[in-house]
Protein backbone atom coordinates (compact mmCIF):
# COMPACT_ATOMS: atom_id res chain seq x y z
CA MET A 1 21.27 34.63 175.16
CA GLU A 2 20.48 38.09 176.55
CA ASP A 3 23.47 37.82 178.92
CA ILE A 4 25.79 37.15 175.97
CA LEU A 5 24.48 40.11 173.95
CA LEU A 6 24.57 42.46 176.94
CA PHE A 7 28.10 41.38 177.85
CA ALA A 8 29.31 41.93 174.26
CA LYS A 9 27.71 45.38 174.20
CA ILE A 10 29.33 46.37 177.50
CA GLN A 11 32.76 45.05 176.48
CA SER A 12 32.65 46.86 173.14
CA GLY A 13 31.72 50.15 174.82
CA ARG A 14 28.37 50.30 173.01
CA LEU A 15 26.17 50.19 176.12
CA THR A 16 24.58 53.61 176.31
CA MET A 17 23.92 55.05 179.77
CA HIS A 18 21.25 57.63 180.55
CA PRO A 19 21.91 58.52 184.21
CA GLY A 20 19.57 60.61 186.28
CA ALA A 21 18.34 61.02 189.84
CA VAL A 22 16.00 58.16 190.77
CA ASN A 23 14.58 56.61 193.94
CA LEU A 24 16.38 53.28 194.29
CA TYR A 25 13.25 51.75 195.85
CA GLN A 26 11.33 52.25 192.58
CA ILE A 27 13.94 50.19 190.75
CA ILE A 28 13.87 47.57 193.51
CA ASP A 29 10.06 47.35 193.22
CA GLN A 30 10.26 46.81 189.47
CA ALA A 31 12.96 44.16 189.74
CA VAL A 32 11.25 42.30 192.60
CA SER A 33 7.95 42.23 190.71
CA ASN A 34 9.67 40.22 187.95
CA PHE A 35 10.13 37.35 190.41
CA HIS A 36 6.85 37.36 192.40
CA SER A 37 5.45 34.25 190.74
CA GLU A 38 8.65 32.23 191.07
CA MET A 39 9.05 33.28 194.71
CA THR A 40 5.43 32.34 195.42
CA MET A 41 5.84 28.99 193.69
CA ARG A 42 9.00 28.27 195.71
CA LYS A 43 7.40 29.61 198.92
CA LEU A 44 10.18 32.13 199.46
CA ASP A 45 9.75 35.14 201.72
CA LEU A 46 11.00 38.52 200.53
CA TYR A 47 12.39 41.05 202.98
CA ILE A 48 13.17 44.62 201.97
CA ASP A 49 15.16 46.56 204.55
CA GLY A 50 14.18 44.03 207.21
CA GLU A 51 10.44 44.16 206.51
CA ARG A 52 8.59 41.25 204.92
CA THR A 53 6.97 42.97 201.95
CA LEU A 54 6.64 42.94 198.18
CA LYS A 55 6.70 46.73 197.81
CA ALA A 56 9.36 49.20 198.88
CA ALA A 57 8.87 52.51 197.05
CA GLY A 58 6.02 53.81 199.20
CA ARG A 59 7.04 52.11 202.45
CA PHE A 60 10.45 53.62 203.08
CA PRO A 61 11.99 57.10 202.84
CA LYS A 62 13.40 57.82 199.38
CA LYS A 63 16.97 56.83 198.64
CA VAL A 64 17.84 58.87 195.58
CA VAL A 65 20.82 57.72 193.54
CA THR A 66 22.37 58.78 190.25
CA CYS A 67 22.01 55.96 187.77
CA ASP A 68 20.55 54.68 184.54
CA SER A 69 17.46 53.03 186.00
CA LEU A 70 17.20 50.46 183.17
CA GLN A 71 20.78 49.29 183.69
CA ILE A 72 20.46 49.14 187.48
CA GLU A 73 17.23 47.19 187.07
CA ARG A 74 19.31 44.72 185.02
CA VAL A 75 21.78 44.53 187.89
CA LEU A 76 18.99 43.89 190.39
CA ASN A 77 17.26 41.38 188.10
CA ASN A 78 20.45 39.38 187.80
CA CYS A 79 21.18 39.42 191.53
CA ILE A 80 17.60 38.70 192.58
CA HIS A 81 17.37 35.89 190.04
CA ASN A 82 20.52 34.32 191.49
CA ALA A 83 19.16 34.72 195.03
CA VAL A 84 15.77 33.20 194.12
CA LYS A 85 17.49 30.32 192.33
CA HIS A 86 19.61 29.44 195.36
CA ALA A 87 17.47 30.48 198.36
CA SER A 88 16.10 27.96 200.84
CA SER A 89 13.38 30.11 202.39
CA LYS A 90 14.07 33.82 201.89
CA VAL A 91 15.58 36.56 199.78
CA GLU A 92 16.60 39.87 201.34
CA VAL A 93 17.18 43.25 199.71
CA THR A 94 18.73 45.80 202.03
CA THR A 95 19.87 49.35 201.48
CA ARG A 96 22.18 51.47 203.57
CA ASP A 97 23.41 55.03 203.34
CA ALA A 98 27.20 55.16 203.31
CA SER A 99 28.77 58.64 203.04
CA ALA A 100 28.29 59.81 199.42
CA GLU A 101 26.77 56.56 198.21
CA VAL A 102 23.99 54.08 198.82
CA GLN A 103 24.75 50.39 199.31
CA CYS A 104 22.32 47.75 198.12
CA THR A 105 22.70 44.11 199.16
CA ILE A 106 20.77 41.16 197.76
CA SER A 107 21.18 38.01 199.82
CA ASP A 108 19.75 34.53 200.13
CA ASP A 109 19.80 31.81 202.76
CA GLY A 110 20.89 29.05 200.39
CA ASP A 111 23.92 26.79 200.56
CA GLY A 112 26.37 29.48 199.50
CA MET A 113 29.75 28.61 198.08
CA PRO A 114 33.15 27.98 199.65
CA SER A 115 34.81 31.32 200.39
CA GLU A 116 37.90 30.44 198.34
CA TYR A 117 35.77 30.60 195.15
CA VAL A 118 33.99 33.89 195.89
CA ASP A 119 36.49 36.09 194.04
CA LYS A 120 35.90 34.10 190.84
CA VAL A 121 32.18 34.94 190.49
CA PHE A 122 33.03 38.05 188.45
CA ASP A 123 35.27 36.09 186.04
CA GLU A 124 33.84 35.66 182.55
CA TYR A 125 32.11 32.27 182.08
CA TYR A 126 32.85 31.15 185.65
CA GLN A 127 30.17 28.95 187.18
CA HIS A 128 30.59 27.28 190.51
CA ASP A 129 29.73 23.58 190.17
CA ASN A 130 26.37 23.49 191.93
CA GLY A 131 24.00 21.96 189.37
CA LYS A 132 22.35 25.31 188.58
CA LYS A 133 22.91 26.21 184.93
CA GLY A 134 23.70 29.59 183.44
CA VAL A 135 26.03 31.21 180.93
CA GLY A 136 28.51 32.68 183.41
CA LEU A 137 28.24 36.26 182.12
CA GLY A 138 25.57 37.69 184.42
CA LEU A 139 27.77 38.74 187.33
CA PRO A 140 30.64 39.95 185.12
CA SER A 141 28.07 42.17 183.32
CA VAL A 142 26.69 43.36 186.65
CA LYS A 143 30.19 44.32 187.80
CA MET A 144 30.89 46.31 184.65
CA ILE A 145 27.53 48.13 184.78
CA VAL A 146 27.98 49.11 188.43
CA GLU A 147 31.55 50.26 187.82
CA GLN A 148 30.40 52.36 184.83
CA HIS A 149 28.11 54.12 187.32
CA GLY A 150 31.09 54.91 189.57
CA GLY A 151 30.09 52.23 192.08
CA ASN A 152 31.75 49.16 193.53
CA VAL A 153 30.63 45.54 193.84
CA TRP A 154 31.55 42.66 196.09
CA VAL A 155 30.19 39.34 197.27
CA LYS A 156 30.26 37.45 200.51
CA SER A 157 29.58 33.75 200.86
CA ASP A 158 30.72 30.59 202.54
CA SER A 159 29.51 27.01 202.48
CA GLY A 160 26.19 26.79 204.27
CA ALA A 161 26.03 30.57 204.80
CA GLY A 162 24.10 31.79 201.75
CA PHE A 163 25.28 34.38 199.27
CA ALA A 164 25.26 38.18 199.54
CA PHE A 165 25.91 40.50 196.62
CA THR A 166 26.50 44.19 197.43
CA PHE A 167 26.87 47.16 195.12
CA THR A 168 27.13 50.91 195.61
CA LEU A 169 25.78 53.85 193.64
CA PRO A 170 26.41 57.58 194.02
CA ALA A 171 23.80 59.15 196.31
CA VAL A 172 21.94 62.36 195.57
CA ARG A 173 21.85 64.20 198.89
CA GLY A 174 18.97 66.44 199.84
CA ALA A 175 16.64 64.92 197.24
């Protein structure tokens, strides 16, 4: 239900953004903490920037981005939830500096989806037939939120190769 309301708000232009400079790792920590119990129950390992850990903010150098932290937490929650739902043994969150932006990738080692369907994941109500239920508005909402921040989004997947969702945000240099 929340996905439907959020999507309607974004589409109508009523989603208010409050951007500021924030350490991306703090948002990652908050989002990851929402899934600790499910990951523990499913015996999934979590890797952040290649290190098996549950905390990132104090472990890595700051990566300061310009964003509305609440909205980017929604983006991460959606992507991490999808990864946890489909993972076989691990979920990875990786960040990378790329010129004037920071890339963040959330990936899993699940079954993935055939590459010919990958471009459809951002279509409203699209759900790949895999037995996992949802509304089909989570990733379209994620795409719109990231784009409203001046970032880009893309996915990479193939059958048997897991799923990787990547988005970019404007970096704050020298922070």
